Structures are given as structure tokens and as C-alpha cells.
Amino acid sequence: MRRFLLSAALLAFASSSASAEEPILGKWRAPGGGIVEVTNCGGAYCATVVSGRHKGKTAGRMNGSEGTYEGTVTDPRDDRSYSGRAAVDGDVLKLKGCALKVLCKTQTWTRA
């Protein structure tokens, strides 16, 4: 009986951990007012503009976990991609994209 309870407790813990969502997932409001949705895509997190002037365009692809991510940030205005980082703190997503690792821009998005 003791073994059964221990196994059941471990199984419950493992399944609750596996189903925990990454904080980057969801919809975010960009500074220009458009909404960007971040979803799972092939082992990474893909950002797509879902409202506003650039609806349907990609906004980047990131890898990482627990609120810290790296990958590419894409400017939907000109479809150029940059090396990027993202960090989630509650309902705030801070993005940084750099060209040549010296010309960097940052943006702060809020959860929509």
C-alpha cells in the first residue's frame, strides 16, 4: 500500500510539472499596439503578429525555459531577423535584438 501511494504521488507530481506552461506562451501587446501570440512550434517558441498592421507576419523564434529565452527576433516591418533574447517577468516580456552584437534595440511588451 505504501509503495502504491508513493508511486501515485510521484506520478501526480510528474504530470503536473510536465503540463506547466512556459511563461512566454500567450498573447502580448507590442509598443505599436499590435498583438503578438507566442506558441509552441517544433520544440521552440514562435511569435506571430495576430492583430494590427503586420498581422500574419512572424516576430521571431526562441528557445529556452523558465522565463529566459534566446533565438531570433524578426522586425515585421521589414522582415529582417536579429540575434535576440527575451525575459519574462510576470506580465512583462522584455526583448532585445542585436545586429552585429553592437547595434541593439530593446522593447517591452505586456501581456494582452
PDB file of N, CA and C in Angstrom:
ATOM      1  N   MET A   1       0.825  -1.190   0.000  1.00  0.00           N
ATOM      2  CA  MET A   1       0.000   0.000   0.000  1.00  0.00           C
ATOM      3  C   MET A   1       0.876   1.264   0.000  1.00  0.00           C
ATOM      4  N   ARG A   2       1.923   1.215   0.801  1.00  0.00           N
ATOM      5  CA  ARG A   2       2.826   2.350   0.896  1.00  0.00           C
ATOM      6  C   ARG A   2       3.477   2.640  -0.457  1.00  0.00           C
ATOM      7  N   ARG A   3       3.911   1.580  -1.136  1.00  0.00           N
ATOM      8  CA  ARG A   3       4.519   1.724  -2.456  1.00  0.00           C
ATOM      9  C   ARG A   3       3.527   2.314  -3.455  1.00  0.00           C
ATOM     10  N   PHE A   4       2.297   1.860  -3.380  1.00  0.00           N
ATOM     11  CA  PHE A   4       1.256   2.364  -4.277  1.00  0.00           C
ATOM     12  C   PHE A   4       1.053   3.863  -4.069  1.00  0.00           C
ATOM     13  N   LEU A   5       0.966   4.311  -2.813  1.00  0.00           N
ATOM     14  CA  LEU A   5       0.771   5.733  -2.527  1.00  0.00           C
ATOM     15  C   LEU A   5       1.960   6.565  -2.998  1.00  0.00           C
ATOM     16  N   LEU A   6       3.164   6.056  -2.779  1.00  0.00           N
ATOM     17  CA  LEU A   6       4.362   6.755  -3.225  1.00  0.00           C
ATOM     18  C   LEU A   6       4.384   6.869  -4.756  1.00  0.00           C
ATOM     19  N   SER A   7       4.048   5.778  -5.436  1.00  0.00           N
ATOM     20  CA  SER A   7       4.003   5.796  -6.909  1.00  0.00           C
ATOM     21  C   SER A   7       2.954   6.769  -7.411  1.00  0.00           C
ATOM     22  N   ALA A   8       1.791   6.779  -6.784  1.00  0.00           N
ATOM     23  CA  ALA A   8       0.714   7.687  -7.190  1.00  0.00           C
ATOM     24  C   ALA A   8       1.130   9.141  -6.974  1.00  0.00           C
ATOM     25  N   ALA A   9       1.791   9.433  -5.861  1.00  0.00           N
ATOM     26  CA  ALA A   9       2.243  10.794  -5.584  1.00  0.00           C
ATOM     27  C   ALA A   9       3.287  11.235  -6.598  1.00  0.00           C
ATOM     28  N   LEU A  10       4.245  10.377  -6.920  1.00  0.00           N
ATOM     29  CA  LEU A  10       5.266  10.711  -7.913  1.00  0.00           C
ATOM     30  C   LEU A  10       4.658  10.942  -9.288  1.00  0.00           C
ATOM     31  N   LEU A  11       3.712  10.116  -9.665  1.00  0.00           N
ATOM     32  CA  LEU A  11       3.042  10.267 -10.951  1.00  0.00           C
ATOM     33  C   LEU A  11       2.285  11.592 -11.017  1.00  0.00           C
ATOM     34  N   ALA A  12       1.585  11.943  -9.960  1.00  0.00           N
ATOM     35  CA  ALA A  12       0.842  13.209  -9.930  1.00  0.00           C
ATOM     36  C   ALA A  12       1.793  14.390 -10.034  1.00  0.00           C
ATOM     37  N   PHE A  13       2.927  14.345  -9.333  1.00  0.00           N
ATOM     38  CA  PHE A  13       3.894  15.428  -9.389  1.00  0.00           C
ATOM     39  C   PHE A  13       4.490  15.544 -10.785  1.00  0.00           C
ATOM     40  N   ALA A  14       4.860  14.438 -11.383  1.00  0.00           N
ATOM     41  CA  ALA A  14       5.464  14.450 -12.723  1.00  0.00           C
ATOM     42  C   ALA A  14       4.497  15.003 -13.754  1.00  0.00           C
ATOM     43  N   SER A  15       3.238  14.627 -13.688  1.00  0.00           N
ATOM     44  CA  SER A  15       2.293  15.104 -14.693  1.00  0.00           C
ATOM     45  C   SER A  15       1.968  16.580 -14.488  1.00  0.00           C
ATOM     46  N   SER A  16       1.960  17.072 -13.248  1.00  0.00           N
ATOM     47  CA  SER A  16       1.699  18.492 -13.050  1.00  0.00           C
ATOM     48  C   SER A  16       2.888  19.321 -13.502  1.00  0.00           C
ATOM     49  N   SER A  17       4.114  18.824 -13.339  1.00  0.00           N
ATOM     50  CA  SER A  17       5.302  19.536 -13.804  1.00  0.00           C
ATOM     51  C   SER A  17       5.356  19.574 -15.320  1.00  0.00           C
ATOM     52  N   ALA A  18       5.022  18.478 -15.957  1.00  0.00           N
ATOM     53  CA  ALA A  18       5.084  18.405 -17.413  1.00  0.00           C
ATOM     54  C   ALA A  18       4.057  19.313 -18.067  1.00  0.00           C
ATOM     55  N   SER A  19       2.931  19.534 -17.398  1.00  0.00           N
ATOM     56  CA  SER A  19       1.889  20.333 -18.026  1.00  0.00           C
ATOM     57  C   SER A  19       2.028  21.821 -17.722  1.00  0.00           C
ATOM     58  N   ALA A  20       2.985  22.203 -16.880  1.00  0.00           N
ATOM     59  CA  ALA A  20       3.183  23.613 -16.567  1.00  0.00           C
ATOM     60  C   ALA A  20       3.606  24.351 -17.843  1.00  0.00           C
ATOM     61  N   GLU A  21       2.942  25.459 -18.114  1.00  0.00           N
ATOM     62  CA  GLU A  21       3.248  26.210 -19.330  1.00  0.00           C
ATOM     63  C   GLU A  21       4.405  27.154 -19.109  1.00  0.00           C
ATOM     64  N   GLU A  22       5.144  27.375 -20.161  1.00  0.00           N
ATOM     65  CA  GLU A  22       6.222  28.350 -20.133  1.00  0.00           C
ATOM     66  C   GLU A  22       5.611  29.751 -20.046  1.00  0.00           C
ATOM     67  N   PRO A  23       6.233  30.653 -19.305  1.00  0.00           N
ATOM     68  CA  PRO A  23       5.672  31.993 -19.161  1.00  0.00           C
ATOM     69  C   PRO A  23       5.655  32.810 -20.450  1.00  0.00           C
ATOM     70  N   ILE A  24       6.448  32.440 -21.446  1.00  0.00           N
ATOM     71  CA  ILE A  24       6.469  33.203 -22.695  1.00  0.00           C
ATOM     72  C   ILE A  24       5.228  32.938 -23.550  1.00  0.00           C
ATOM     73  N   LEU A  25       4.555  31.816 -23.330  1.00  0.00           N
ATOM     74  CA  LEU A  25       3.391  31.458 -24.139  1.00  0.00           C
ATOM     75  C   LEU A  25       2.223  32.409 -23.880  1.00  0.00           C
ATOM     76  N   GLY A  26       1.510  32.732 -24.949  1.00  0.00           N
ATOM     77  CA  GLY A  26       0.323  33.574 -24.814  1.00  0.00           C
ATOM     78  C   GLY A  26       0.372  34.766 -25.750  1.00  0.00           C
ATOM     79  N   LYS A  27      -0.509  35.727 -25.469  1.00  0.00           N
ATOM     80  CA  LYS A  27      -0.608  36.927 -26.308  1.00  0.00           C
ATOM     81  C   LYS A  27       0.016  38.116 -25.596  1.00  0.00           C
ATOM     82  N   TRP A  28       0.755  38.904 -26.384  1.00  0.00           N
ATOM     83  CA  TRP A  28       1.486  40.055 -25.870  1.00  0.00           C
ATOM     84  C   TRP A  28       1.175  41.284 -26.703  1.00  0.00           C
ATOM     85  N   ARG A  29       1.064  42.443 -26.039  1.00  0.00           N
ATOM     86  CA  ARG A  29       0.833  43.706 -26.748  1.00  0.00           C
ATOM     87  C   ARG A  29       2.183  44.392 -26.965  1.00  0.00           C
ATOM     88  N   ALA A  30       2.514  44.608 -28.234  1.00  0.00           N
ATOM     89  CA  ALA A  30       3.753  45.282 -28.607  1.00  0.00           C
ATOM     90  C   ALA A  30       3.566  46.796 -28.466  1.00  0.00           C
ATOM     91  N   PRO A  31       4.652  47.555 -28.399  1.00  0.00           N
ATOM     92  CA  PRO A  31       4.537  49.007 -28.217  1.00  0.00           C
ATOM     93  C   PRO A  31       3.680  49.714 -29.262  1.00  0.00           C
ATOM     94  N   GLY A  32       3.650  49.231 -30.495  1.00  0.00           N
ATOM     95  CA  GLY A  32       2.839  49.849 -31.536  1.00  0.00           C
ATOM     96  C   GLY A  32       1.351  49.533 -31.428  1.00  0.00           C
ATOM     97  N   GLY A  33       0.975  48.681 -30.472  1.00  0.00           N
ATOM     98  CA  GLY A  33      -0.426  48.345 -30.263  1.00  0.00           C
ATOM     99  C   GLY A  33      -0.843  47.005 -30.829  1.00  0.00           C
ATOM    100  N   GLY A  34      -0.039  46.419 -31.709  1.00  0.00           N
ATOM    101  CA  GLY A  34      -0.373  45.111 -32.272  1.00  0.00           C
ATOM    102  C   GLY A  34      -0.248  44.014 -31.225  1.00  0.00           C
ATOM    103  N   ILE A  35      -0.937  42.915 -31.458  1.00  0.00           N
ATOM    104  CA  ILE A  35      -0.881  41.771 -30.554  1.00  0.00           C
ATOM    105  C   ILE A  35      -0.044  40.682 -31.220  1.00  0.00           C
ATOM    106  N   VAL A  36       0.890  40.123 -30.444  1.00  0.00           N
ATOM    107  CA  VAL A  36       1.756  39.048 -30.907  1.00  0.00           C
ATOM    108  C   VAL A  36       1.456  37.821 -30.057  1.00  0.00           C
ATOM    109  N   GLU A  37       1.246  36.683 -30.719  1.00  0.00           N
ATOM    110  CA  GLU A  37       0.981  35.445 -29.990  1.00  0.00           C
ATOM    111  C   GLU A  37       2.202  34.541 -30.067  1.00  0.00           C
ATOM    112  N   VAL A  38       2.612  34.045 -28.897  1.00  0.00           N
ATOM    113  CA  VAL A  38       3.744  33.117 -28.822  1.00  0.00           C
ATOM    114  C   VAL A  38       3.180  31.726 -28.557  1.00  0.00           C
ATOM    115  N   THR A  39       3.542  30.777 -29.427  1.00  0.00           N
ATOM    116  CA  THR A  39       3.052  29.400 -29.334  1.00  0.00           C
ATOM    117  C   THR A  39       4.216  28.421 -29.420  1.00  0.00           C
ATOM    118  N   ASN A  40       3.958  27.173 -29.058  1.00  0.00           N
ATOM    119  CA  ASN A  40       4.941  26.106 -29.247  1.00  0.00           C
ATOM    120  C   ASN A  40       5.057  25.809 -30.733  1.00  0.00           C
ATOM    121  N   CYS A  41       6.288  25.590 -31.199  1.00  0.00           N
ATOM    122  CA  CYS A  41       6.475  25.199 -32.600  1.00  0.00           C
ATOM    123  C   CYS A  41       7.760  24.388 -32.728  1.00  0.00           C
ATOM    124  N   GLY A  42       7.636  23.129 -32.938  1.00  0.00           N
ATOM    125  CA  GLY A  42       8.785  22.272 -33.183  1.00  0.00           C
ATOM    126  C   GLY A  42       9.876  22.342 -32.130  1.00  0.00           C
ATOM    127  N   GLY A  43       9.517  22.339 -30.869  1.00  0.00           N
ATOM    128  CA  GLY A  43      10.499  22.381 -29.803  1.00  0.00           C
ATOM    129  C   GLY A  43      10.997  23.775 -29.460  1.00  0.00           C
ATOM    130  N   ALA A  44      10.420  24.787 -30.052  1.00  0.00           N
ATOM    131  CA  ALA A  44      10.793  26.177 -29.786  1.00  0.00           C
ATOM    132  C   ALA A  44       9.513  26.972 -29.509  1.00  0.00           C
ATOM    133  N   TYR A  45       9.653  28.277 -29.436  1.00  0.00           N
ATOM    134  CA  TYR A  45       8.514  29.169 -29.241  1.00  0.00           C
ATOM    135  C   TYR A  45       8.511  30.171 -30.385  1.00  0.00           C
ATOM    136  N   CYS A  46       7.424  30.189 -31.149  1.00  0.00           N
ATOM    137  CA  CYS A  46       7.311  31.067 -32.307  1.00  0.00           C
ATOM    138  C   CYS A  46       6.352  32.202 -32.004  1.00  0.00           C
ATOM    139  N   ALA A  47       6.725  33.397 -32.434  1.00  0.00           N
ATOM    140  CA  ALA A  47       5.903  34.584 -32.233  1.00  0.00           C
ATOM    141  C   ALA A  47       5.345  35.036 -33.577  1.00  0.00           C
ATOM    142  N   THR A  48       4.022  35.234 -33.620  1.00  0.00           N
ATOM    143  CA  THR A  48       3.339  35.674 -34.835  1.00  0.00           C
ATOM    144  C   THR A  48       2.441  36.847 -34.504  1.00  0.00           C
ATOM    145  N   VAL A  49       2.466  37.873 -35.346  1.00  0.00           N
ATOM    146  CA  VAL A  49       1.597  39.033 -35.159  1.00  0.00           C
ATOM    147  C   VAL A  49       0.169  38.604 -35.504  1.00  0.00           C
ATOM    148  N   VAL A  50      -0.770  38.791 -34.572  1.00  0.00           N
ATOM    149  CA  VAL A  50      -2.143  38.344 -34.797  1.00  0.00           C
ATOM    150  C   VAL A  50      -3.138  39.502 -34.942  1.00  0.00           C
ATOM    151  N   SER A  51      -2.675  40.743 -34.730  1.00  0.00           N
ATOM    152  CA  SER A  51      -3.544  41.893 -34.980  1.00  0.00           C
ATOM    153  C   SER A  51      -2.678  43.104 -35.303  1.00  0.00           C
ATOM    154  N   GLY A  52      -3.297  44.068 -35.952  1.00  0.00           N
ATOM    155  CA  GLY A  52      -2.564  45.273 -36.310  1.00  0.00           C
ATOM    156  C   GLY A  52      -2.094  45.252 -37.748  1.00  0.00           C
ATOM    157  N   ARG A  53      -1.272  46.220 -38.070  1.00  0.00           N
ATOM    158  CA  ARG A  53      -0.829  46.446 -39.448  1.00  0.00           C
ATOM    159  C   ARG A  53      -0.018  45.283 -40.027  1.00  0.00           C
ATOM    160  N   HIS A  54       0.680  44.541 -39.201  1.00  0.00           N
ATOM    161  CA  HIS A  54       1.558  43.472 -39.689  1.00  0.00           C
ATOM    162  C   HIS A  54       0.996  42.082 -39.392  1.00  0.00           C
ATOM    163  N   LYS A  55      -0.317  41.995 -39.273  1.00  0.00           N
ATOM    164  CA  LYS A  55      -0.982  40.726 -38.959  1.00  0.00           C
ATOM    165  C   LYS A  55      -0.529  39.617 -39.907  1.00  0.00           C
ATOM    166  N   GLY A  56      -0.198  38.446 -39.313  1.00  0.00           N
ATOM    167  CA  GLY A  56       0.218  37.291 -40.090  1.00  0.00           C
ATOM    168  C   GLY A  56       1.724  37.149 -40.243  1.00  0.00           C
ATOM    169  N   LYS A  57       2.474  38.177 -39.898  1.00  0.00           N
ATOM    170  CA  LYS A  57       3.933  38.112 -40.039  1.00  0.00           C
ATOM    171  C   LYS A  57       4.571  37.509 -38.795  1.00  0.00           C
ATOM    172  N   THR A  58       5.750  36.944 -38.999  1.00  0.00           N
ATOM    173  CA  THR A  58       6.486  36.373 -37.877  1.00  0.00           C
ATOM    174  C   THR A  58       7.182  37.482 -37.104  1.00  0.00           C
ATOM    175  N   ALA A  59       7.348  37.248 -35.794  1.00  0.00           N
ATOM    176  CA  ALA A  59       8.055  38.208 -34.943  1.00  0.00           C
ATOM    177  C   ALA A  59       9.249  37.553 -34.260  1.00  0.00           C
ATOM    178  N   GLY A  60       9.508  36.274 -34.580  1.00  0.00           N
ATOM    179  CA  GLY A  60      10.692  35.632 -34.034  1.00  0.00           C
ATOM    180  C   GLY A  60      10.483  34.194 -33.625  1.00  0.00           C
ATOM    181  N   ARG A  61      11.585  33.597 -33.171  1.00  0.00           N
ATOM    182  CA  ARG A  61      11.593  32.204 -32.719  1.00  0.00           C
ATOM    183  C   ARG A  61      12.625  32.100 -31.605  1.00  0.00           C
ATOM    184  N   MET A  62      12.219  31.542 -30.476  1.00  0.00           N
ATOM    185  CA  MET A  62      13.080  31.471 -29.302  1.00  0.00           C
ATOM    186  C   MET A  62      13.141  30.059 -28.737  1.00  0.00           C
ATOM    187  N   ASN A  63      14.226  29.768 -28.056  1.00  0.00           N
ATOM    188  CA  ASN A  63      14.397  28.541 -27.276  1.00  0.00           C
ATOM    189  C   ASN A  63      14.741  28.966 -25.857  1.00  0.00           C
ATOM    190  N   GLY A  64      14.388  28.145 -24.907  1.00  0.00           N
ATOM    191  CA  GLY A  64      14.722  28.431 -23.525  1.00  0.00           C
ATOM    192  C   GLY A  64      13.638  27.910 -22.606  1.00  0.00           C
ATOM    193  N   SER A  65      13.733  28.305 -21.350  1.00  0.00           N
ATOM    194  CA  SER A  65      12.740  27.863 -20.374  1.00  0.00           C
ATOM    195  C   SER A  65      12.754  28.762 -19.154  1.00  0.00           C
ATOM    196  N   GLU A  66      11.694  28.645 -18.390  1.00  0.00           N
ATOM    197  CA  GLU A  66      11.552  29.317 -17.096  1.00  0.00           C
ATOM    198  C   GLU A  66      11.764  30.819 -17.164  1.00  0.00           C
ATOM    199  N   GLY A  67      11.325  31.450 -18.247  1.00  0.00           N
ATOM    200  CA  GLY A  67      11.359  32.900 -18.346  1.00  0.00           C
ATOM    201  C   GLY A  67      12.560  33.505 -19.035  1.00  0.00           C
ATOM    202  N   THR A  68      13.536  32.699 -19.464  1.00  0.00           N
ATOM    203  CA  THR A  68      14.717  33.213 -20.141  1.00  0.00           C
ATOM    204  C   THR A  68      14.869  32.484 -21.477  1.00  0.00           C
ATOM    205  N   TYR A  69      14.963  33.271 -22.564  1.00  0.00           N
ATOM    206  CA  TYR A  69      14.940  32.691 -23.903  1.00  0.00           C
ATOM    207  C   TYR A  69      15.968  33.365 -24.803  1.00  0.00           C
ATOM    208  N   GLU A  70      16.441  32.628 -25.820  1.00  0.00           N
ATOM    209  CA  GLU A  70      17.359  33.149 -26.834  1.00  0.00           C
ATOM    210  C   GLU A  70      16.921  32.640 -28.194  1.00  0.00           C
ATOM    211  N   GLY A  71      17.242  33.405 -29.224  1.00  0.00           N
ATOM    212  CA  GLY A  71      16.909  32.977 -30.576  1.00  0.00           C
ATOM    213  C   GLY A  71      16.975  34.139 -31.530  1.00  0.00           C
ATOM    214  N   THR A  72      15.947  34.270 -32.359  1.00  0.00           N
ATOM    215  CA  THR A  72      15.899  35.363 -33.318  1.00  0.00           C
ATOM    216  C   THR A  72      14.663  36.219 -33.073  1.00  0.00           C
ATOM    217  N   VAL A  73      14.851  37.504 -33.294  1.00  0.00           N
ATOM    218  CA  VAL A  73      13.764  38.473 -33.233  1.00  0.00           C
ATOM    219  C   VAL A  73      13.611  39.002 -34.647  1.00  0.00           C
ATOM    220  N   THR A  74      12.395  39.000 -35.168  1.00  0.00           N
ATOM    221  CA  THR A  74      12.156  39.465 -36.534  1.00  0.00           C
ATOM    222  C   THR A  74      11.331  40.738 -36.497  1.00  0.00           C
ATOM    223  N   ASP A  75      11.798  41.767 -37.191  1.00  0.00           N
ATOM    224  CA  ASP A  75      11.059  43.018 -37.297  1.00  0.00           C
ATOM    225  C   ASP A  75      10.034  42.842 -38.418  1.00  0.00           C
ATOM    226  N   PRO A  76       8.746  42.798 -38.082  1.00  0.00           N
ATOM    227  CA  PRO A  76       7.741  42.555 -39.124  1.00  0.00           C
ATOM    228  C   PRO A  76       7.609  43.692 -40.138  1.00  0.00           C
ATOM    229  N   ARG A  77       8.175  44.851 -39.835  1.00  0.00           N
ATOM    230  CA  ARG A  77       8.104  45.967 -40.786  1.00  0.00           C
ATOM    231  C   ARG A  77       8.948  45.710 -42.023  1.00  0.00           C
ATOM    232  N   ASP A  78      10.103  45.031 -41.848  1.00  0.00           N
ATOM    233  CA  ASP A  78      10.981  44.783 -42.995  1.00  0.00           C
ATOM    234  C   ASP A  78      11.419  43.322 -43.110  1.00  0.00           C
ATOM    235  N   ASP A  79      10.877  42.463 -42.236  1.00  0.00           N
ATOM    236  CA  ASP A  79      11.168  41.023 -42.221  1.00  0.00           C
ATOM    237  C   ASP A  79      12.643  40.702 -41.984  1.00  0.00           C
ATOM    238  N   ARG A  80      13.390  41.600 -41.359  1.00  0.00           N
ATOM    239  CA  ARG A  80      14.784  41.332 -41.013  1.00  0.00           C
ATOM    240  C   ARG A  80      14.836  40.658 -39.647  1.00  0.00           C
ATOM    241  N   SER A  81      15.729  39.681 -39.535  1.00  0.00           N
ATOM    242  CA  SER A  81      15.877  38.947 -38.277  1.00  0.00           C
ATOM    243  C   SER A  81      17.197  39.306 -37.603  1.00  0.00           C
ATOM    244  N   TYR A  82      17.163  39.309 -36.283  1.00  0.00           N
ATOM    245  CA  TYR A  82      18.314  39.681 -35.482  1.00  0.00           C
ATOM    246  C   TYR A  82      18.510  38.662 -34.366  1.00  0.00           C
ATOM    247  N   SER A  83      19.728  38.552 -33.893  1.00  0.00           N
ATOM    248  CA  SER A  83      20.006  37.724 -32.732  1.00  0.00           C
ATOM    249  C   SER A  83      19.274  38.356 -31.555  1.00  0.00           C
ATOM    250  N   GLY A  84      18.568  37.533 -30.775  1.00  0.00           N
ATOM    251  CA  GLY A  84      17.770  38.135 -29.724  1.00  0.00           C
ATOM    252  C   GLY A  84      17.696  37.353 -28.435  1.00  0.00           C
ATOM    253  N   ARG A  85      17.232  38.055 -27.428  1.00  0.00           N
ATOM    254  CA  ARG A  85      16.986  37.476 -26.108  1.00  0.00           C
ATOM    255  C   ARG A  85      15.649  37.981 -25.613  1.00  0.00           C
ATOM    256  N   ALA A  86      15.025  37.189 -24.769  1.00  0.00           N
ATOM    257  CA  ALA A  86      13.765  37.599 -24.167  1.00  0.00           C
ATOM    258  C   ALA A  86      13.745  37.130 -22.719  1.00  0.00           C
ATOM    259  N   ALA A  87      13.089  37.917 -21.893  1.00  0.00           N
ATOM    260  CA  ALA A  87      12.932  37.553 -20.485  1.00  0.00           C
ATOM    261  C   ALA A  87      11.528  37.934 -20.050  1.00  0.00           C
ATOM    262  N   VAL A  88      10.864  37.014 -19.371  1.00  0.00           N
ATOM    263  CA  VAL A  88       9.515  37.252 -18.874  1.00  0.00           C
ATOM    264  C   VAL A  88       9.588  37.475 -17.373  1.00  0.00           C
ATOM    265  N   ASP A  89       8.930  38.545 -16.928  1.00  0.00           N
ATOM    266  CA  ASP A  89       8.813  38.835 -15.504  1.00  0.00           C
ATOM    267  C   ASP A  89       7.351  39.183 -15.242  1.00  0.00           C
ATOM    268  N   GLY A  90       6.586  38.184 -14.809  1.00  0.00           N
ATOM    269  CA  GLY A  90       5.152  38.398 -14.591  1.00  0.00           C
ATOM    270  C   GLY A  90       4.441  38.640 -15.908  1.00  0.00           C
ATOM    271  N   ASP A  91       3.819  39.813 -16.038  1.00  0.00           N
ATOM    272  CA  ASP A  91       3.087  40.167 -17.252  1.00  0.00           C
ATOM    273  C   ASP A  91       3.883  41.081 -18.175  1.00  0.00           C
ATOM    274  N   VAL A  92       5.208  41.043 -18.047  1.00  0.00           N
ATOM    275  CA  VAL A  92       6.079  41.876 -18.873  1.00  0.00           C
ATOM    276  C   VAL A  92       7.082  40.978 -19.598  1.00  0.00           C
ATOM    277  N   LEU A  93       7.224  41.208 -20.900  1.00  0.00           N
ATOM    278  CA  LEU A  93       8.199  40.500 -21.733  1.00  0.00           C
ATOM    279  C   LEU A  93       9.181  41.538 -22.261  1.00  0.00           C
ATOM    280  N   LYS A  94      10.453  41.392 -21.901  1.00  0.00           N
ATOM    281  CA  LYS A  94      11.479  42.313 -22.383  1.00  0.00           C
ATOM    282  C   LYS A  94      12.271  41.617 -23.469  1.00  0.00           C
ATOM    283  N   LEU A  95      12.314  42.253 -24.646  1.00  0.00           N
ATOM    284  CA  LEU A  95      13.013  41.717 -25.806  1.00  0.00           C
ATOM    285  C   LEU A  95      14.214  42.581 -26.134  1.00  0.00           C
ATOM    286  N   LYS A  96      15.283  41.938 -26.590  1.00  0.00           N
ATOM    287  CA  LYS A  96      16.463  42.656 -27.057  1.00  0.00           C
ATOM    288  C   LYS A  96      16.931  41.983 -28.331  1.00  0.00           C
ATOM    289  N   GLY A  97      17.060  42.761 -29.392  1.00  0.00           N
ATOM    290  CA  GLY A  97      17.550  42.250 -30.664  1.00  0.00           C
ATOM    291  C   GLY A  97      18.789  43.020 -31.076  1.00  0.00           C
ATOM    292  N   CYS A  98      19.805  42.309 -31.560  1.00  0.00           N
ATOM    293  CA  CYS A  98      21.071  42.954 -31.912  1.00  0.00           C
ATOM    294  C   CYS A  98      21.520  42.562 -33.317  1.00  0.00           C
ATOM    295  N   ALA A  99      22.023  43.545 -34.043  1.00  0.00           N
ATOM    296  CA  ALA A  99      22.674  43.312 -35.331  1.00  0.00           C
ATOM    297  C   ALA A  99      24.164  43.473 -35.093  1.00  0.00           C
ATOM    298  N   LEU A 100      24.944  42.496 -35.480  1.00  0.00           N
ATOM    299  CA  LEU A 100      26.395  42.514 -35.299  1.00  0.00           C
ATOM    300  C   LEU A 100      26.805  42.610 -33.828  1.00  0.00           C
ATOM    301  N   LYS A 101      25.938  42.259 -32.933  1.00  0.00           N
ATOM    302  CA  LYS A 101      26.174  42.250 -31.488  1.00  0.00           C
ATOM    303  C   LYS A 101      26.527  43.609 -30.901  1.00  0.00           C
ATOM    304  N   VAL A 102      26.400  44.677 -31.686  1.00  0.00           N
ATOM    305  CA  VAL A 102      26.698  46.010 -31.160  1.00  0.00           C
ATOM    306  C   VAL A 102      25.544  46.990 -31.346  1.00  0.00           C
ATOM    307  N   LEU A 103      24.756  46.799 -32.366  1.00  0.00           N
ATOM    308  CA  LEU A 103      23.610  47.669 -32.616  1.00  0.00           C
ATOM    309  C   LEU A 103      22.368  46.972 -32.075  1.00  0.00           C
ATOM    310  N   CYS A 104      21.973  47.336 -30.875  1.00  0.00           N
ATOM    311  CA  CYS A 104      20.870  46.637 -30.208  1.00  0.00           C
ATOM    312  C   CYS A 104      19.692  47.562 -29.951  1.00  0.00           C
ATOM    313  N   LYS A 105      18.506  46.980 -29.983  1.00  0.00           N
ATOM    314  CA  LYS A 105      17.272  47.679 -29.621  1.00  0.00           C
ATOM    315  C   LYS A 105      16.526  46.813 -28.629  1.00  0.00           C
ATOM    316  N   THR A 106      15.822  47.455 -27.737  1.00  0.00           N
ATOM    317  CA  THR A 106      15.007  46.719 -26.772  1.00  0.00           C
ATOM    318  C   THR A 106      13.565  47.169 -26.868  1.00  0.00           C
ATOM    319  N   GLN A 107      12.668  46.268 -26.510  1.00  0.00           N
ATOM    320  CA  GLN A 107      11.243  46.568 -26.446  1.00  0.00           C
ATOM    321  C   GLN A 107      10.668  45.873 -25.219  1.00  0.00           C
ATOM    322  N   THR A 108       9.639  46.475 -24.668  1.00  0.00           N
ATOM    323  CA  THR A 108       8.917  45.859 -23.563  1.00  0.00           C
ATOM    324  C   THR A 108       7.483  45.637 -24.010  1.00  0.00           C
ATOM    325  N   TRP A 109       7.035  44.390 -23.924  1.00  0.00           N
ATOM    326  CA  TRP A 109       5.682  44.021 -24.273  1.00  0.00           C
ATOM    327  C   TRP A 109       4.933  43.687 -22.980  1.00  0.00           C
ATOM    328  N   THR A 110       3.616  43.865 -22.999  1.00  0.00           N
ATOM    329  CA  THR A 110       2.795  43.494 -21.844  1.00  0.00           C
ATOM    330  C   THR A 110       1.804  42.415 -22.247  1.00  0.00           C
ATOM    331  N   ARG A 111       1.452  41.587 -21.299  1.00  0.00           N
ATOM    332  CA  ARG A 111       0.516  40.502 -21.579  1.00  0.00           C
ATOM    333  C   ARG A 111      -0.836  41.084 -21.988  1.00  0.00           C
ATOM    334  N   ALA A 112      -1.361  40.565 -23.091  1.00  0.00           N
ATOM    335  CA  ALA A 112      -2.642  41.066 -23.619  1.00  0.00           C
ATOM    336  C   ALA A 112      -3.805  40.293 -23.031  1.00  0.00           C
TER     337      ALA A 112
END
